[in-house]
Amino acid sequence: MSIPITIISAVRDVKMYDKCIRQNPCVNQHALCPLDNRFENKGVSLRYNQFLDAYDFMCPSWLVFCHEDFEFKQRIDHLLEALDKNVLYGPIGVRTDVRWHLLYSWRLIGQIIESNKDGANARRIGSAYPLGTPVETFDCQCLIVHSDVIQKTGLRFDEHLLFDLYVEDFCINANENHGIPSRILAVMCQHWSGGSVRERYFHQEAYLNKKYPHCCYTGTSSYSLGKPCAIRKLNVMAITFIKTIVFRLNRK
């Protein structure tokens, strides 16, 4: 008998949810909890919290919070059954490497396939790393946490972060306030939703920067979340400037 696993998704595209989760033999033997978001389209963080507020913690389970278009391509029960329940897991995250206290470099840890919703432009993102590799934060597409951690800490998603950065915030909060680390679950998976960062992301990033004035983390789409030191700020500015120049050159 497999270990208890509950898969939670805010659902607007039912066909995509059916394809990636409900009809997916890698996960559909577990408890599925689609949160219908078709009509009100409330923030994903709010939907996730509604699930947690109603959850029966007398029934311990691994809780997999994932997008409706996130597909596991292998079974996860045998991967989760031996893992530390006091750790957050996800398939792809990011960490900062610092050299000589001067140079900051940002690295994607973990690997996924990313594509358009029709499967076009499929490509591998990130690099393969062993199970348990530490990261600072995960991408919002998938976060795995055991219900015992939620019951013990009272952790919730920040409802100011409606559609972006709510998982990054969850990771920062868990680590800063409860000493709970984030580590990679090396698993074959695909996110059927490639795309660029929208303007709303930067507003929510600014909110998160004010929320954490005494620490600094990295996100998959942000070089700094919180308050970076002066040297790190210079690194961020330099990388942003270089990327802007490259972008403009490619448009010519």
C-alpha atoms as a PDB file:
ATOM      1  CA  MET A   1       0.000   0.000   0.000  1.00  0.00           C
ATOM      2  CA  SER A   2       1.370   3.417  -1.004  1.00  0.00           C
ATOM      3  CA  ILE A   3       1.978   6.168   1.522  1.00  0.00           C
ATOM      4  CA  PRO A   4      -0.704   8.864   1.903  1.00  0.00           C
ATOM      5  CA  ILE A   5      -0.280  11.589  -0.718  1.00  0.00           C
ATOM      6  CA  THR A   6      -2.746  14.392  -1.472  1.00  0.00           C
ATOM      7  CA  ILE A   7      -2.450  16.453  -4.643  1.00  0.00           C
ATOM      8  CA  ILE A   8      -3.933  19.946  -4.510  1.00  0.00           C
ATOM      9  CA  SER A   9      -4.451  22.230  -7.524  1.00  0.00           C
ATOM     10  CA  ALA A  10      -6.384  25.408  -8.226  1.00  0.00           C
ATOM     11  CA  VAL A  11      -8.220  24.511 -11.430  1.00  0.00           C
ATOM     12  CA  ARG A  12      -9.465  26.742 -14.231  1.00  0.00           C
ATOM     13  CA  ASP A  13      -8.631  24.580 -17.244  1.00  0.00           C
ATOM     14  CA  VAL A  14     -10.383  21.293 -16.506  1.00  0.00           C
ATOM     15  CA  LYS A  15      -9.114  19.574 -19.661  1.00  0.00           C
ATOM     16  CA  MET A  16      -5.526  20.372 -18.752  1.00  0.00           C
ATOM     17  CA  TYR A  17      -6.071  19.194 -15.177  1.00  0.00           C
ATOM     18  CA  ASP A  18      -7.558  15.936 -16.441  1.00  0.00           C
ATOM     19  CA  LYS A  19      -4.618  15.414 -18.768  1.00  0.00           C
ATOM     20  CA  CYS A  20      -1.880  16.181 -16.268  1.00  0.00           C
ATOM     21  CA  ILE A  21      -3.359  14.885 -13.025  1.00  0.00           C
ATOM     22  CA  ARG A  22      -6.765  13.182 -13.027  1.00  0.00           C
ATOM     23  CA  GLN A  23      -5.895  10.824 -15.893  1.00  0.00           C
ATOM     24  CA  ASN A  24      -2.200  10.553 -15.055  1.00  0.00           C
ATOM     25  CA  PRO A  25      -1.428   6.985 -13.874  1.00  0.00           C
ATOM     26  CA  CYS A  26       1.668   8.242 -12.065  1.00  0.00           C
ATOM     27  CA  VAL A  27      -0.460  10.105  -9.498  1.00  0.00           C
ATOM     28  CA  ASN A  28      -4.186   9.430  -9.910  1.00  0.00           C
ATOM     29  CA  GLN A  29      -4.172   6.575  -7.400  1.00  0.00           C
ATOM     30  CA  HIS A  30      -3.596   9.176  -4.681  1.00  0.00           C
ATOM     31  CA  ALA A  31      -6.099  11.575  -3.130  1.00  0.00           C
ATOM     32  CA  LEU A  32      -6.859  14.327  -5.641  1.00  0.00           C
ATOM     33  CA  CYS A  33      -8.153  17.685  -4.491  1.00  0.00           C
ATOM     34  CA  PRO A  34      -9.016  20.004  -7.393  1.00  0.00           C
ATOM     35  CA  LEU A  35     -10.014  23.459  -6.148  1.00  0.00           C
ATOM     36  CA  ASP A  36     -12.520  24.891  -8.634  1.00  0.00           C
ATOM     37  CA  ASN A  37     -11.304  28.359  -9.566  1.00  0.00           C
ATOM     38  CA  ARG A  38     -13.138  28.755 -12.883  1.00  0.00           C
ATOM     39  CA  PHE A  39     -15.696  31.325 -11.835  1.00  0.00           C
ATOM     40  CA  GLU A  40     -14.179  33.502  -9.102  1.00  0.00           C
ATOM     41  CA  ASN A  41     -10.509  33.060 -10.092  1.00  0.00           C
ATOM     42  CA  LYS A  42      -9.330  33.820  -6.587  1.00  0.00           C
ATOM     43  CA  GLY A  43      -5.630  33.924  -5.761  1.00  0.00           C
ATOM     44  CA  VAL A  44      -3.917  30.545  -5.725  1.00  0.00           C
ATOM     45  CA  SER A  45      -2.539  31.302  -2.266  1.00  0.00           C
ATOM     46  CA  LEU A  46      -6.084  31.852  -0.979  1.00  0.00           C
ATOM     47  CA  ARG A  47      -7.293  28.585  -2.492  1.00  0.00           C
ATOM     48  CA  TYR A  48      -4.384  26.679  -0.965  1.00  0.00           C
ATOM     49  CA  ASN A  49      -5.077  28.205   2.449  1.00  0.00           C
ATOM     50  CA  GLN A  50      -8.752  27.270   2.207  1.00  0.00           C
ATOM     51  CA  PHE A  51      -7.617  23.695   1.705  1.00  0.00           C
ATOM     52  CA  LEU A  52      -5.242  23.834   4.682  1.00  0.00           C
ATOM     53  CA  ASP A  53      -7.804  25.471   6.953  1.00  0.00           C
ATOM     54  CA  ALA A  54     -10.249  22.639   6.254  1.00  0.00           C
ATOM     55  CA  TYR A  55      -7.715  19.804   6.351  1.00  0.00           C
ATOM     56  CA  ASP A  56      -8.077  17.001   8.910  1.00  0.00           C
ATOM     57  CA  PHE A  57      -4.622  16.729  10.450  1.00  0.00           C
ATOM     58  CA  MET A  58      -5.614  13.463  12.084  1.00  0.00           C
ATOM     59  CA  CYS A  59      -4.919  12.007   8.629  1.00  0.00           C
ATOM     60  CA  PRO A  60      -1.191  12.639   7.987  1.00  0.00           C
ATOM     61  CA  SER A  61      -0.234  12.973   4.333  1.00  0.00           C
ATOM     62  CA  TRP A  62       2.317  14.426   1.979  1.00  0.00           C
ATOM     63  CA  LEU A  63       0.654  17.497   0.466  1.00  0.00           C
ATOM     64  CA  VAL A  64       1.590  18.214  -3.152  1.00  0.00           C
ATOM     65  CA  PHE A  65       0.580  21.738  -4.190  1.00  0.00           C
ATOM     66  CA  CYS A  66       0.945  21.955  -7.955  1.00  0.00           C
ATOM     67  CA  HIS A  67      -0.399  23.791 -10.972  1.00  0.00           C
ATOM     68  CA  GLU A  68      -3.156  22.215 -13.034  1.00  0.00           C
ATOM     69  CA  ASP A  69      -0.681  21.966 -15.936  1.00  0.00           C
ATOM     70  CA  PHE A  70       2.095  20.285 -13.973  1.00  0.00           C
ATOM     71  CA  GLU A  71       2.604  16.622 -14.894  1.00  0.00           C
ATOM     72  CA  PHE A  72       4.597  14.017 -12.997  1.00  0.00           C
ATOM     73  CA  LYS A  73       6.101  11.549 -15.453  1.00  0.00           C
ATOM     74  CA  GLN A  74       6.971   8.960 -12.839  1.00  0.00           C
ATOM     75  CA  ARG A  75       5.410   7.731  -9.625  1.00  0.00           C
ATOM     76  CA  ILE A  76       6.345   9.718  -6.550  1.00  0.00           C
ATOM     77  CA  ASP A  77       5.200   7.481  -3.686  1.00  0.00           C
ATOM     78  CA  HIS A  78       8.407   5.450  -3.613  1.00  0.00           C
ATOM     79  CA  LEU A  79      10.404   8.691  -3.657  1.00  0.00           C
ATOM     80  CA  LEU A  80       8.516  10.310  -0.792  1.00  0.00           C
ATOM     81  CA  GLU A  81       8.201   7.352   1.553  1.00  0.00           C
ATOM     82  CA  ALA A  82      11.802   7.574   2.809  1.00  0.00           C
ATOM     83  CA  LEU A  83      12.101  11.362   2.936  1.00  0.00           C
ATOM     84  CA  ASP A  84      12.458  13.625   5.965  1.00  0.00           C
ATOM     85  CA  LYS A  85       9.004  14.969   6.834  1.00  0.00           C
ATOM     86  CA  ASN A  86      10.546  18.135   8.282  1.00  0.00           C
ATOM     87  CA  VAL A  87      11.796  19.337   4.904  1.00  0.00           C
ATOM     88  CA  LEU A  88      10.097  21.070   1.977  1.00  0.00           C
ATOM     89  CA  TYR A  89      10.561  19.451  -1.441  1.00  0.00           C
ATOM     90  CA  GLY A  90      10.104  20.496  -5.042  1.00  0.00           C
ATOM     91  CA  PRO A  91      11.342  19.484  -8.512  1.00  0.00           C
ATOM     92  CA  ILE A  92      13.101  22.740  -9.374  1.00  0.00           C
ATOM     93  CA  GLY A  93      14.464  25.615  -7.333  1.00  0.00           C
ATOM     94  CA  VAL A  94      17.352  28.019  -7.171  1.00  0.00           C
ATOM     95  CA  ARG A  95      20.329  28.906  -5.050  1.00  0.00           C
ATOM     96  CA  THR A  96      22.981  31.610  -4.928  1.00  0.00           C
ATOM     97  CA  ASP A  97      26.681  30.813  -5.164  1.00  0.00           C
ATOM     98  CA  VAL A  98      29.047  33.418  -3.712  1.00  0.00           C
ATOM     99  CA  ARG A  99      32.733  33.628  -4.604  1.00  0.00           C
ATOM    100  CA  TRP A 100      35.308  35.705  -2.726  1.00  0.00           C
ATOM    101  CA  HIS A 101      32.413  37.526  -1.007  1.00  0.00           C
ATOM    102  CA  LEU A 102      32.118  39.587  -4.200  1.00  0.00           C
ATOM    103  CA  LEU A 103      30.614  37.611  -7.079  1.00  0.00           C
ATOM    104  CA  TYR A 104      27.055  36.314  -6.818  1.00  0.00           C
ATOM    105  CA  SER A 105      25.800  33.779  -9.351  1.00  0.00           C
ATOM    106  CA  TRP A 106      22.319  32.290  -9.543  1.00  0.00           C
ATOM    107  CA  ARG A 107      21.803  28.653 -10.450  1.00  0.00           C
ATOM    108  CA  LEU A 108      18.685  26.638 -11.240  1.00  0.00           C
ATOM    109  CA  ILE A 109      18.767  23.378  -9.281  1.00  0.00           C
ATOM    110  CA  GLY A 110      16.700  20.467 -10.531  1.00  0.00           C
ATOM    111  CA  GLN A 111      15.361  19.780 -13.985  1.00  0.00           C
ATOM    112  CA  ILE A 112      11.972  19.861 -15.690  1.00  0.00           C
ATOM    113  CA  ILE A 113      10.552  19.892 -19.193  1.00  0.00           C
ATOM    114  CA  GLU A 114       8.815  23.155 -20.049  1.00  0.00           C
ATOM    115  CA  SER A 115       6.518  23.608 -23.047  1.00  0.00           C
ATOM    116  CA  ASN A 116       3.570  25.541 -24.400  1.00  0.00           C
ATOM    117  CA  LYS A 117       0.144  24.231 -23.456  1.00  0.00           C
ATOM    118  CA  ASP A 118      -0.077  22.435 -26.823  1.00  0.00           C
ATOM    119  CA  GLY A 119       3.289  20.771 -26.238  1.00  0.00           C
ATOM    120  CA  ALA A 120       5.171  22.989 -28.684  1.00  0.00           C
ATOM    121  CA  ASN A 121       8.612  24.412 -27.886  1.00  0.00           C
ATOM    122  CA  ALA A 122       9.370  21.706 -25.348  1.00  0.00           C
ATOM    123  CA  ARG A 123      12.781  22.102 -23.726  1.00  0.00           C
ATOM    124  CA  ARG A 124      14.654  21.015 -20.640  1.00  0.00           C
ATOM    125  CA  ILE A 125      15.065  23.675 -17.978  1.00  0.00           C
ATOM    126  CA  GLY A 126      17.710  23.554 -15.249  1.00  0.00           C
ATOM    127  CA  SER A 127      20.232  20.831 -14.510  1.00  0.00           C
ATOM    128  CA  ALA A 128      19.862  17.436 -12.883  1.00  0.00           C
ATOM    129  CA  TYR A 129      20.906  17.328  -9.219  1.00  0.00           C
ATOM    130  CA  PRO A 130      20.668  14.522  -6.663  1.00  0.00           C
ATOM    131  CA  LEU A 131      17.697  14.050  -4.374  1.00  0.00           C
ATOM    132  CA  GLY A 132      18.025  16.303  -1.341  1.00  0.00           C
ATOM    133  CA  THR A 133      20.160  19.025  -2.919  1.00  0.00           C
ATOM    134  CA  PRO A 134      19.468  22.220  -0.926  1.00  0.00           C
ATOM    135  CA  VAL A 135      17.897  25.266  -2.562  1.00  0.00           C
ATOM    136  CA  GLU A 136      16.705  28.643  -1.319  1.00  0.00           C
ATOM    137  CA  THR A 137      13.235  28.587  -2.872  1.00  0.00           C
ATOM    138  CA  PHE A 138      11.133  26.611  -5.340  1.00  0.00           C
ATOM    139  CA  ASP A 139       9.173  27.708  -8.366  1.00  0.00           C
ATOM    140  CA  CYS A 140       5.417  27.992  -7.758  1.00  0.00           C
ATOM    141  CA  GLN A 141       4.611  25.129 -10.121  1.00  0.00           C
ATOM    142  CA  CYS A 142       5.119  22.517  -7.391  1.00  0.00           C
ATOM    143  CA  LEU A 143       5.705  22.434  -3.637  1.00  0.00           C
ATOM    144  CA  ILE A 144       5.612  19.309  -1.486  1.00  0.00           C
ATOM    145  CA  VAL A 145       5.209  19.561   2.293  1.00  0.00           C
ATOM    146  CA  HIS A 146       4.094  17.040   4.893  1.00  0.00           C
ATOM    147  CA  SER A 147       0.913  17.800   6.837  1.00  0.00           C
ATOM    148  CA  ASP A 148       2.817  17.267  10.102  1.00  0.00           C
ATOM    149  CA  VAL A 149       4.904  20.365   9.295  1.00  0.00           C
ATOM    150  CA  ILE A 150       1.774  22.419   8.656  1.00  0.00           C
ATOM    151  CA  GLN A 151       0.168  21.222  11.886  1.00  0.00           C
ATOM    152  CA  LYS A 152       3.320  21.877  13.925  1.00  0.00           C
ATOM    153  CA  THR A 153       4.130  25.332  12.541  1.00  0.00           C
ATOM    154  CA  GLY A 154       0.812  26.727  11.340  1.00  0.00           C
ATOM    155  CA  LEU A 155       2.475  27.697   8.049  1.00  0.00           C
ATOM    156  CA  ARG A 156       0.208  29.254   5.432  1.00  0.00           C
ATOM    157  CA  PHE A 157       0.569  30.915   2.035  1.00  0.00           C
ATOM    158  CA  ASP A 158       0.675  34.712   1.968  1.00  0.00           C
ATOM    159  CA  GLU A 159      -2.615  35.832   0.410  1.00  0.00           C
ATOM    160  CA  HIS A 160      -1.115  39.151  -0.699  1.00  0.00           C
ATOM    161  CA  LEU A 161       0.783  37.067  -3.257  1.00  0.00           C
ATOM    162  CA  LEU A 162      -2.138  36.102  -5.452  1.00  0.00           C
ATOM    163  CA  PHE A 163      -0.601  34.334  -8.440  1.00  0.00           C
ATOM    164  CA  ASP A 164       3.176  34.758  -8.113  1.00  0.00           C
ATOM    165  CA  LEU A 165       5.863  34.171  -5.479  1.00  0.00           C
ATOM    166  CA  TYR A 166       3.570  32.496  -2.942  1.00  0.00           C
ATOM    167  CA  VAL A 167       5.750  29.377  -2.906  1.00  0.00           C
ATOM    168  CA  GLU A 168       8.962  31.403  -2.696  1.00  0.00           C
ATOM    169  CA  ASP A 169       7.489  33.211   0.301  1.00  0.00           C
ATOM    170  CA  PHE A 170       6.436  29.894   1.853  1.00  0.00           C
ATOM    171  CA  CYS A 171      10.025  28.624   1.583  1.00  0.00           C
ATOM    172  CA  ILE A 172      11.510  31.803   3.061  1.00  0.00           C
ATOM    173  CA  ASN A 173       8.984  31.861   5.909  1.00  0.00           C
ATOM    174  CA  ALA A 174       9.573  28.181   6.683  1.00  0.00           C
ATOM    175  CA  ASN A 175      13.340  28.615   6.816  1.00  0.00           C
ATOM    176  CA  GLU A 176      13.556  31.987   8.571  1.00  0.00           C
ATOM    177  CA  ASN A 177      10.892  31.398  11.213  1.00  0.00           C
ATOM    178  CA  HIS A 178      10.920  27.623  11.688  1.00  0.00           C
ATOM    179  CA  GLY A 179      14.334  26.408  10.487  1.00  0.00           C
ATOM    180  CA  ILE A 180      12.755  24.221   7.795  1.00  0.00           C
ATOM    181  CA  PRO A 181      14.975  23.797   4.709  1.00  0.00           C
ATOM    182  CA  SER A 182      14.013  23.315   1.072  1.00  0.00           C
ATOM    183  CA  ARG A 183      15.490  20.450  -0.920  1.00  0.00           C
ATOM    184  CA  ILE A 184      15.160  19.034  -4.417  1.00  0.00           C
ATOM    185  CA  LEU A 185      13.026  16.007  -5.251  1.00  0.00           C
ATOM    186  CA  ALA A 186      14.659  14.667  -8.399  1.00  0.00           C
ATOM    187  CA  VAL A 187      11.686  13.530 -10.467  1.00  0.00           C
ATOM    188  CA  MET A 188      10.749  13.455 -14.149  1.00  0.00           C
ATOM    189  CA  CYS A 189       8.069  16.053 -14.781  1.00  0.00           C
ATOM    190  CA  GLN A 190       6.713  18.584 -17.270  1.00  0.00           C
ATOM    191  CA  HIS A 191       5.204  22.024 -16.876  1.00  0.00           C
ATOM    192  CA  TRP A 192       2.829  22.691 -19.767  1.00  0.00           C
ATOM    193  CA  SER A 193       3.089  26.444 -19.421  1.00  0.00           C
ATOM    194  CA  GLY A 194       6.140  28.325 -20.602  1.00  0.00           C
ATOM    195  CA  GLY A 195       6.061  32.097 -20.660  1.00  0.00           C
ATOM    196  CA  SER A 196       7.497  35.399 -19.510  1.00  0.00           C
ATOM    197  CA  VAL A 197       7.053  37.295 -16.254  1.00  0.00           C
ATOM    198  CA  ARG A 198       4.020  39.617 -16.206  1.00  0.00           C
ATOM    199  CA  GLU A 199       3.867  43.122 -14.758  1.00  0.00           C
ATOM    200  CA  ARG A 200       1.923  41.906 -11.710  1.00  0.00           C
ATOM    201  CA  TYR A 201       4.994  39.852 -10.754  1.00  0.00           C
ATOM    202  CA  PHE A 202       7.071  42.956 -10.096  1.00  0.00           C
ATOM    203  CA  HIS A 203       4.410  44.439  -7.804  1.00  0.00           C
ATOM    204  CA  GLN A 204       4.349  41.241  -5.773  1.00  0.00           C
ATOM    205  CA  GLU A 205       8.147  41.097  -5.797  1.00  0.00           C
ATOM    206  CA  ALA A 206       8.233  44.626  -4.320  1.00  0.00           C
ATOM    207  CA  TYR A 207       5.825  43.511  -1.588  1.00  0.00           C
ATOM    208  CA  LEU A 208       8.031  40.538  -0.749  1.00  0.00           C
ATOM    209  CA  ASN A 209      11.129  42.725  -0.626  1.00  0.00           C
ATOM    210  CA  LYS A 210       9.489  44.869   2.062  1.00  0.00           C
ATOM    211  CA  LYS A 211       8.292  41.814   3.962  1.00  0.00           C
ATOM    212  CA  TYR A 212      11.834  40.498   4.490  1.00  0.00           C
ATOM    213  CA  PRO A 213      14.056  43.517   5.319  1.00  0.00           C
ATOM    214  CA  HIS A 214      16.621  41.458   7.243  1.00  0.00           C
ATOM    215  CA  CYS A 215      17.405  38.641   4.807  1.00  0.00           C
ATOM    216  CA  CYS A 216      17.817  37.990   1.101  1.00  0.00           C
ATOM    217  CA  TYR A 217      16.888  34.945  -0.971  1.00  0.00           C
ATOM    218  CA  THR A 218      16.781  34.069  -4.645  1.00  0.00           C
ATOM    219  CA  GLY A 219      13.778  33.067  -6.741  1.00  0.00           C
ATOM    220  CA  THR A 220      13.597  31.325 -10.108  1.00  0.00           C
ATOM    221  CA  SER A 221      12.598  34.670 -11.654  1.00  0.00           C
ATOM    222  CA  SER A 222      14.228  37.016  -9.127  1.00  0.00           C
ATOM    223  CA  TYR A 223      17.900  37.569  -8.345  1.00  0.00           C
ATOM    224  CA  SER A 224      17.015  38.913  -4.922  1.00  0.00           C
ATOM    225  CA  LEU A 225      13.985  38.650  -2.644  1.00  0.00           C
ATOM    226  CA  GLY A 226      14.244  40.641   0.559  1.00  0.00           C
ATOM    227  CA  LYS A 227      17.008  43.144   1.227  1.00  0.00           C
ATOM    228  CA  PRO A 228      20.305  42.358  -0.527  1.00  0.00           C
ATOM    229  CA  CYS A 229      23.633  43.662   0.721  1.00  0.00           C
ATOM    230  CA  ALA A 230      25.396  46.393  -1.260  1.00  0.00           C
ATOM    231  CA  ILE A 231      27.701  43.980  -3.120  1.00  0.00           C
ATOM    232  CA  ARG A 232      24.773  41.778  -4.084  1.00  0.00           C
ATOM    233  CA  LYS A 233      22.852  44.833  -5.318  1.00  0.00           C
ATOM    234  CA  LEU A 234      25.751  45.684  -7.620  1.00  0.00           C
ATOM    235  CA  ASN A 235      25.751  42.129  -8.968  1.00  0.00           C
ATOM    236  CA  VAL A 236      22.010  42.285  -9.631  1.00  0.00           C
ATOM    237  CA  MET A 237      22.340  45.642 -11.380  1.00  0.00           C
ATOM    238  CA  ALA A 238      25.199  44.368 -13.552  1.00  0.00           C
ATOM    239  CA  ILE A 239      23.360  41.221 -14.602  1.00  0.00           C
ATOM    240  CA  THR A 240      20.155  43.158 -15.295  1.00  0.00           C
ATOM    241  CA  PHE A 241      22.088  45.667 -17.426  1.00  0.00           C
ATOM    242  CA  ILE A 242      23.795  42.909 -19.423  1.00  0.00           C
ATOM    243  CA  LYS A 243      20.507  41.077 -20.005  1.00  0.00           C
ATOM    244  CA  THR A 244      18.865  44.301 -21.188  1.00  0.00           C
ATOM    245  CA  ILE A 245      21.655  44.931 -23.705  1.00  0.00           C
ATOM    246  CA  VAL A 246      21.488  41.349 -25.004  1.00  0.00           C
ATOM    247  CA  PHE A 247      17.701  41.583 -25.323  1.00  0.00           C
ATOM    248  CA  ARG A 248      17.927  44.795 -27.331  1.00  0.00           C
ATOM    249  CA  LEU A 249      20.620  43.388 -29.600  1.00  0.00           C
ATOM    250  CA  ASN A 250      18.524  40.300 -30.296  1.00  0.00           C
ATOM    251  CA  ARG A 251      15.576  42.481 -31.313  1.00  0.00           C
ATOM    252  CA  LYS A 252      17.604  44.264 -33.986  1.00  0.00           C
END
